[in-house]
């Protein structure tokens, strides 16, 4: 579980980007986009269903509306859209991990990793 605030913010941002991409997929019903837009507008609007000054329940609507809309939207997004987006995310993560490993200086790489990279480079060279 991420503990640093920056890591938490990045995790939330990645999740929101994932939801945004899934909502804008052509296979997703348009009502999902409208629900997400309405939730954002309500969250940013100064007008509340329950005034914030009411103790205990004043902030409850703000804390429940947007997560509720996102949960409902996620239910309405087709399963194949979710699976496709998950596959894209996994490929992106794997690519970034490989790039990070390859960009490390030789003296920081574990011996097995260095050998694996050398074998991979040799295989790439033999394929060309």
N, C-alpha and C. Protein backbone atom coordinates (compact mmCIF):
# COMPACT_ATOMS: atom_id res chain seq x y z
N UNK A 1 0.85 -1.18 0.00
CA UNK A 1 0.00 0.00 0.00
C UNK A 1 0.89 1.25 0.00
N UNK A 2 0.70 2.19 -0.91
CA UNK A 2 1.53 3.38 -0.95
C UNK A 2 1.36 4.21 0.31
N UNK A 3 2.47 4.74 0.82
CA UNK A 3 2.38 5.50 2.05
C UNK A 3 2.73 6.98 1.86
N UNK A 4 3.58 7.29 0.93
CA UNK A 4 3.98 8.67 0.70
C UNK A 4 2.84 9.42 0.00
N UNK A 5 2.54 10.67 0.41
CA UNK A 5 1.42 11.41 -0.21
C UNK A 5 1.54 11.55 -1.72
N UNK A 6 2.74 11.76 -2.23
CA UNK A 6 2.92 11.91 -3.67
C UNK A 6 2.55 10.61 -4.40
N UNK A 7 2.94 9.49 -3.84
CA UNK A 7 2.63 8.19 -4.43
C UNK A 7 1.12 7.99 -4.43
N UNK A 8 0.47 8.36 -3.33
CA UNK A 8 -0.99 8.23 -3.26
C UNK A 8 -1.66 9.10 -4.31
N UNK A 9 -1.18 10.32 -4.48
CA UNK A 9 -1.77 11.21 -5.48
C UNK A 9 -1.57 10.66 -6.89
N UNK A 10 -0.39 10.12 -7.16
CA UNK A 10 -0.14 9.54 -8.47
C UNK A 10 -1.03 8.33 -8.73
N UNK A 11 -1.26 7.53 -7.68
CA UNK A 11 -2.13 6.37 -7.82
C UNK A 11 -3.55 6.80 -8.14
N UNK A 12 -4.03 7.82 -7.44
CA UNK A 12 -5.37 8.35 -7.70
C UNK A 12 -5.45 8.92 -9.11
N UNK A 13 -4.42 9.66 -9.52
CA UNK A 13 -4.40 10.26 -10.85
C UNK A 13 -4.41 9.17 -11.93
N UNK A 14 -3.61 8.11 -11.75
CA UNK A 14 -3.61 7.01 -12.71
C UNK A 14 -4.98 6.34 -12.81
N UNK A 15 -5.63 6.18 -11.66
CA UNK A 15 -6.96 5.57 -11.64
C UNK A 15 -7.96 6.45 -12.37
N UNK A 16 -7.92 7.76 -12.13
CA UNK A 16 -8.84 8.67 -12.81
C UNK A 16 -8.60 8.67 -14.32
N UNK A 17 -7.35 8.64 -14.73
CA UNK A 17 -7.03 8.59 -16.16
C UNK A 17 -7.57 7.30 -16.77
N UNK A 18 -7.44 6.20 -16.04
CA UNK A 18 -7.96 4.91 -16.52
C UNK A 18 -9.47 5.00 -16.71
N UNK A 19 -10.18 5.54 -15.72
CA UNK A 19 -11.63 5.68 -15.81
C UNK A 19 -12.01 6.58 -16.99
N UNK A 20 -11.27 7.66 -17.16
CA UNK A 20 -11.55 8.61 -18.24
C UNK A 20 -11.42 7.92 -19.60
N UNK A 21 -10.34 7.14 -19.76
CA UNK A 21 -10.12 6.44 -21.03
C UNK A 21 -11.23 5.43 -21.29
N UNK A 22 -11.62 4.69 -20.26
CA UNK A 22 -12.68 3.70 -20.43
C UNK A 22 -14.01 4.38 -20.75
N UNK A 23 -14.27 5.50 -20.12
CA UNK A 23 -15.54 6.20 -20.36
C UNK A 23 -15.60 6.74 -21.78
N UNK A 24 -14.47 7.07 -22.37
CA UNK A 24 -14.46 7.64 -23.72
C UNK A 24 -14.23 6.60 -24.81
N UNK A 25 -14.20 5.35 -24.44
CA UNK A 25 -14.11 4.29 -25.44
C UNK A 25 -15.43 4.24 -26.21
N UNK A 26 -15.40 4.08 -27.52
CA UNK A 26 -16.65 4.08 -28.31
C UNK A 26 -17.63 2.97 -27.91
N UNK A 27 -17.13 1.91 -27.29
CA UNK A 27 -18.01 0.81 -26.88
C UNK A 27 -18.77 1.10 -25.59
N UNK A 28 -18.38 2.17 -24.89
CA UNK A 28 -19.02 2.53 -23.63
C UNK A 28 -20.26 3.37 -23.92
N UNK A 29 -21.39 3.09 -23.23
CA UNK A 29 -22.60 3.88 -23.47
C UNK A 29 -22.39 5.37 -23.14
N UNK A 30 -22.94 6.28 -23.93
CA UNK A 30 -22.76 7.72 -23.68
C UNK A 30 -23.25 8.17 -22.30
N UNK A 31 -24.22 7.49 -21.73
CA UNK A 31 -24.74 7.88 -20.42
C UNK A 31 -23.64 7.87 -19.36
N UNK A 32 -22.64 7.00 -19.53
CA UNK A 32 -21.53 6.93 -18.57
C UNK A 32 -20.77 8.25 -18.56
N UNK A 33 -20.49 8.79 -19.75
CA UNK A 33 -19.79 10.08 -19.82
C UNK A 33 -20.61 11.17 -19.14
N UNK A 34 -21.91 11.18 -19.40
CA UNK A 34 -22.78 12.21 -18.81
C UNK A 34 -22.81 12.08 -17.29
N UNK A 35 -22.80 10.85 -16.79
CA UNK A 35 -22.78 10.66 -15.34
C UNK A 35 -21.49 11.21 -14.73
N UNK A 36 -20.37 10.92 -15.39
CA UNK A 36 -19.08 11.40 -14.87
C UNK A 36 -19.02 12.93 -14.91
N UNK A 37 -19.47 13.52 -16.03
CA UNK A 37 -19.49 14.99 -16.12
C UNK A 37 -20.38 15.59 -15.03
N UNK A 38 -21.55 15.01 -14.82
CA UNK A 38 -22.47 15.53 -13.80
C UNK A 38 -21.85 15.43 -12.41
N UNK A 39 -21.16 14.35 -12.14
CA UNK A 39 -20.49 14.20 -10.85
C UNK A 39 -19.41 15.23 -10.64
N UNK A 40 -18.64 15.51 -11.70
CA UNK A 40 -17.59 16.53 -11.59
C UNK A 40 -18.20 17.91 -11.37
N UNK A 41 -19.24 18.22 -12.13
CA UNK A 41 -19.89 19.53 -11.98
C UNK A 41 -20.44 19.68 -10.58
N UNK A 42 -21.10 18.63 -10.07
CA UNK A 42 -21.66 18.72 -8.72
C UNK A 42 -20.56 18.90 -7.68
N UNK A 43 -19.45 18.18 -7.85
CA UNK A 43 -18.35 18.29 -6.89
C UNK A 43 -17.73 19.68 -6.88
N UNK A 44 -17.69 20.32 -8.04
CA UNK A 44 -17.08 21.65 -8.13
C UNK A 44 -18.07 22.78 -7.86
N UNK A 45 -19.35 22.47 -7.88
CA UNK A 45 -20.39 23.48 -7.72
C UNK A 45 -20.48 23.95 -6.26
N UNK A 46 -20.71 25.25 -6.06
CA UNK A 46 -20.89 25.75 -4.70
C UNK A 46 -22.27 25.40 -4.12
N UNK A 47 -23.19 24.93 -4.94
CA UNK A 47 -24.52 24.58 -4.48
C UNK A 47 -24.53 23.12 -4.05
N UNK A 48 -25.00 22.85 -2.83
CA UNK A 48 -25.04 21.49 -2.30
C UNK A 48 -26.47 21.06 -2.01
N UNK A 49 -26.71 19.75 -2.05
CA UNK A 49 -28.01 19.22 -1.63
C UNK A 49 -28.20 19.43 -0.14
N UNK A 50 -27.14 19.19 0.61
CA UNK A 50 -27.15 19.42 2.06
C UNK A 50 -26.11 20.50 2.36
N UNK A 51 -26.50 21.59 3.01
CA UNK A 51 -25.52 22.64 3.31
C UNK A 51 -24.37 22.10 4.18
N UNK A 52 -23.15 22.58 3.89
CA UNK A 52 -21.97 22.08 4.59
C UNK A 52 -21.97 22.44 6.08
N UNK A 53 -22.71 23.43 6.49
CA UNK A 53 -22.68 23.85 7.89
C UNK A 53 -23.50 22.93 8.80
N UNK A 54 -24.27 22.00 8.25
CA UNK A 54 -25.02 21.05 9.08
C UNK A 54 -24.03 20.01 9.62
N UNK A 55 -23.87 19.93 10.96
CA UNK A 55 -22.87 19.02 11.54
C UNK A 55 -23.16 17.56 11.19
N UNK A 56 -22.11 16.85 10.82
CA UNK A 56 -22.22 15.42 10.57
C UNK A 56 -22.67 15.05 9.17
N UNK A 57 -23.66 15.72 8.62
CA UNK A 57 -24.18 15.34 7.31
C UNK A 57 -23.87 16.36 6.23
N UNK A 58 -23.38 17.52 6.61
CA UNK A 58 -23.13 18.57 5.63
C UNK A 58 -22.12 18.20 4.57
N UNK A 59 -21.09 17.48 4.96
CA UNK A 59 -20.05 17.07 3.99
C UNK A 59 -20.31 15.68 3.44
N UNK A 60 -21.33 15.00 3.97
CA UNK A 60 -21.63 13.64 3.55
C UNK A 60 -22.00 13.57 2.08
N UNK A 61 -22.79 14.52 1.59
CA UNK A 61 -23.17 14.46 0.18
C UNK A 61 -21.96 14.64 -0.73
N UNK A 62 -21.05 15.52 -0.34
CA UNK A 62 -19.84 15.72 -1.15
C UNK A 62 -18.98 14.45 -1.16
N UNK A 63 -18.92 13.76 -0.05
CA UNK A 63 -18.08 12.57 0.06
C UNK A 63 -18.72 11.35 -0.58
N UNK A 64 -20.03 11.39 -0.82
CA UNK A 64 -20.72 10.20 -1.35
C UNK A 64 -21.10 10.31 -2.82
N UNK A 65 -21.37 11.51 -3.30
CA UNK A 65 -21.89 11.66 -4.66
C UNK A 65 -20.88 11.19 -5.71
N UNK A 66 -19.68 11.76 -5.72
CA UNK A 66 -18.72 11.42 -6.77
C UNK A 66 -18.29 9.95 -6.72
N UNK A 67 -17.93 9.39 -5.55
CA UNK A 67 -17.60 7.96 -5.54
C UNK A 67 -18.78 7.08 -5.97
N UNK A 68 -20.00 7.48 -5.61
CA UNK A 68 -21.18 6.72 -6.03
C UNK A 68 -21.37 6.75 -7.53
N UNK A 69 -21.15 7.91 -8.11
CA UNK A 69 -21.29 8.04 -9.57
C UNK A 69 -20.20 7.23 -10.28
N UNK A 70 -18.98 7.28 -9.77
CA UNK A 70 -17.89 6.52 -10.37
C UNK A 70 -18.18 5.01 -10.27
N UNK A 71 -18.68 4.56 -9.12
CA UNK A 71 -19.00 3.14 -8.96
C UNK A 71 -20.10 2.72 -9.94
N UNK A 72 -21.13 3.55 -10.07
CA UNK A 72 -22.21 3.22 -11.01
C UNK A 72 -21.70 3.22 -12.45
N UNK A 73 -20.85 4.17 -12.78
CA UNK A 73 -20.29 4.23 -14.13
C UNK A 73 -19.44 3.00 -14.41
N UNK A 74 -18.65 2.55 -13.45
CA UNK A 74 -17.81 1.38 -13.64
C UNK A 74 -18.65 0.13 -13.86
N UNK A 75 -19.81 0.06 -13.25
CA UNK A 75 -20.70 -1.08 -13.47
C UNK A 75 -21.25 -1.05 -14.89
N UNK A 76 -21.48 0.15 -15.42
CA UNK A 76 -22.09 0.30 -16.74
C UNK A 76 -21.08 0.17 -17.89
N UNK A 77 -19.79 0.28 -17.59
CA UNK A 77 -18.77 0.14 -18.64
C UNK A 77 -18.65 -1.34 -18.98
N UNK A 78 -18.72 -1.69 -20.27
CA UNK A 78 -18.64 -3.11 -20.67
C UNK A 78 -17.35 -3.78 -20.21
N UNK A 79 -17.43 -5.06 -19.87
CA UNK A 79 -16.29 -5.81 -19.35
C UNK A 79 -15.13 -5.85 -20.35
N UNK A 80 -15.42 -5.97 -21.64
CA UNK A 80 -14.33 -6.04 -22.62
C UNK A 80 -13.54 -4.73 -22.68
N UNK A 81 -14.20 -3.60 -22.42
CA UNK A 81 -13.50 -2.31 -22.38
C UNK A 81 -12.55 -2.28 -21.19
N UNK A 82 -13.03 -2.76 -20.04
CA UNK A 82 -12.18 -2.81 -18.84
C UNK A 82 -10.97 -3.71 -19.06
N UNK A 83 -11.21 -4.89 -19.65
CA UNK A 83 -10.11 -5.83 -19.90
C UNK A 83 -9.09 -5.25 -20.88
N UNK A 84 -9.56 -4.61 -21.94
CA UNK A 84 -8.64 -4.00 -22.91
C UNK A 84 -7.79 -2.92 -22.26
N UNK A 85 -8.41 -2.09 -21.43
CA UNK A 85 -7.67 -1.02 -20.76
C UNK A 85 -6.67 -1.59 -19.77
N UNK A 86 -7.04 -2.67 -19.08
CA UNK A 86 -6.10 -3.31 -18.15
C UNK A 86 -4.89 -3.87 -18.90
N UNK A 87 -5.13 -4.47 -20.06
CA UNK A 87 -4.02 -5.02 -20.86
C UNK A 87 -3.08 -3.90 -21.31
N UNK A 88 -3.66 -2.78 -21.75
CA UNK A 88 -2.83 -1.63 -22.17
C UNK A 88 -2.00 -1.13 -21.00
N UNK A 89 -2.61 -1.04 -19.83
CA UNK A 89 -1.90 -0.55 -18.65
C UNK A 89 -0.76 -1.50 -18.27
N UNK A 90 -1.01 -2.82 -18.33
CA UNK A 90 0.02 -3.80 -17.99
C UNK A 90 1.20 -3.70 -18.96
N UNK A 91 0.91 -3.54 -20.26
CA UNK A 91 1.97 -3.40 -21.25
C UNK A 91 2.80 -2.14 -20.98
N UNK A 92 2.12 -1.06 -20.64
CA UNK A 92 2.82 0.19 -20.35
C UNK A 92 3.71 0.08 -19.13
N UNK A 93 3.22 -0.60 -18.10
CA UNK A 93 4.00 -0.78 -16.87
C UNK A 93 5.22 -1.65 -17.17
N UNK A 94 5.03 -2.73 -17.91
CA UNK A 94 6.15 -3.62 -18.24
C UNK A 94 7.20 -2.88 -19.06
N UNK A 95 6.74 -2.07 -20.02
CA UNK A 95 7.67 -1.31 -20.85
C UNK A 95 8.49 -0.34 -20.00
N UNK A 96 7.83 0.34 -19.06
CA UNK A 96 8.54 1.29 -18.21
C UNK A 96 9.52 0.59 -17.28
N UNK A 97 9.17 -0.61 -16.81
CA UNK A 97 10.08 -1.36 -15.96
C UNK A 97 11.34 -1.76 -16.74
N UNK A 98 11.16 -2.20 -17.97
CA UNK A 98 12.31 -2.57 -18.80
C UNK A 98 13.18 -1.35 -19.08
N UNK A 99 12.56 -0.22 -19.40
CA UNK A 99 13.31 1.01 -19.65
C UNK A 99 14.09 1.42 -18.41
N UNK A 100 13.47 1.28 -17.23
CA UNK A 100 14.15 1.66 -15.99
C UNK A 100 15.33 0.73 -15.72
N UNK A 101 15.16 -0.56 -15.98
CA UNK A 101 16.26 -1.50 -15.76
C UNK A 101 17.41 -1.22 -16.72
N UNK A 102 17.08 -0.94 -17.96
CA UNK A 102 18.12 -0.71 -18.95
C UNK A 102 18.85 0.61 -18.75
N UNK A 103 18.20 1.57 -18.10
CA UNK A 103 18.84 2.87 -17.92
C UNK A 103 19.73 2.94 -16.68
N UNK A 104 19.68 1.91 -15.83
CA UNK A 104 20.53 1.93 -14.64
C UNK A 104 21.98 1.70 -15.03
N UNK A 105 22.90 2.36 -14.32
CA UNK A 105 24.33 2.12 -14.59
C UNK A 105 24.71 0.66 -14.29
N UNK A 106 25.71 0.14 -14.97
CA UNK A 106 26.11 -1.26 -14.83
C UNK A 106 26.44 -1.62 -13.39
N UNK A 107 27.10 -0.72 -12.66
CA UNK A 107 27.53 -1.06 -11.30
C UNK A 107 26.34 -1.15 -10.33
N UNK A 108 25.17 -0.65 -10.72
CA UNK A 108 23.98 -0.73 -9.85
C UNK A 108 23.11 -1.94 -10.17
N UNK A 109 23.37 -2.60 -11.29
CA UNK A 109 22.54 -3.74 -11.68
C UNK A 109 23.03 -5.00 -10.97
N UNK A 110 22.09 -5.82 -10.49
CA UNK A 110 22.51 -7.12 -9.94
C UNK A 110 23.14 -7.97 -11.03
N UNK A 111 24.00 -8.89 -10.64
CA UNK A 111 24.75 -9.69 -11.61
C UNK A 111 23.81 -10.48 -12.52
N UNK A 112 22.75 -11.11 -11.96
CA UNK A 112 21.83 -11.90 -12.78
C UNK A 112 21.11 -11.01 -13.79
N UNK A 113 20.76 -9.80 -13.37
CA UNK A 113 20.05 -8.88 -14.27
C UNK A 113 20.96 -8.49 -15.43
N UNK A 114 22.23 -8.23 -15.14
CA UNK A 114 23.18 -7.85 -16.18
C UNK A 114 23.34 -8.99 -17.17
N UNK A 115 23.43 -10.22 -16.66
CA UNK A 115 23.57 -11.37 -17.55
C UNK A 115 22.32 -11.55 -18.41
N UNK A 116 21.14 -11.36 -17.81
CA UNK A 116 19.88 -11.51 -18.56
C UNK A 116 19.79 -10.45 -19.66
N UNK A 117 20.20 -9.22 -19.36
CA UNK A 117 20.16 -8.17 -20.37
C UNK A 117 21.14 -8.46 -21.50
N UNK A 118 22.31 -9.00 -21.16
CA UNK A 118 23.28 -9.33 -22.18
C UNK A 118 22.76 -10.46 -23.07
N UNK A 119 22.09 -11.45 -22.47
CA UNK A 119 21.52 -12.55 -23.25
C UNK A 119 20.41 -12.01 -24.16
N UNK A 120 19.57 -11.09 -23.62
CA UNK A 120 18.51 -10.51 -24.41
C UNK A 120 19.05 -9.72 -25.59
N UNK A 121 20.15 -8.99 -25.35
CA UNK A 121 20.76 -8.21 -26.43
C UNK A 121 21.34 -9.13 -27.48
N UNK A 122 21.93 -10.26 -27.04
CA UNK A 122 22.48 -11.21 -27.98
C UNK A 122 21.38 -11.84 -28.84
N UNK A 123 20.25 -12.13 -28.20
CA UNK A 123 19.12 -12.70 -28.95
C UNK A 123 18.55 -11.69 -29.94
N UNK A 124 18.46 -10.43 -29.53
CA UNK A 124 17.98 -9.38 -30.44
C UNK A 124 18.90 -9.27 -31.64
N UNK A 125 20.21 -9.34 -31.37
CA UNK A 125 21.17 -9.23 -32.45
C UNK A 125 21.08 -10.41 -33.41
N UNK A 126 20.78 -11.58 -32.91
CA UNK A 126 20.71 -12.77 -33.78
C UNK A 126 19.41 -12.77 -34.59
N UNK A 127 18.39 -12.04 -34.12
CA UNK A 127 17.13 -11.98 -34.84
C UNK A 127 17.17 -10.99 -35.99
N UNK A 128 18.09 -10.07 -35.97
CA UNK A 128 18.14 -9.02 -36.99
C UNK A 128 18.84 -9.46 -38.21
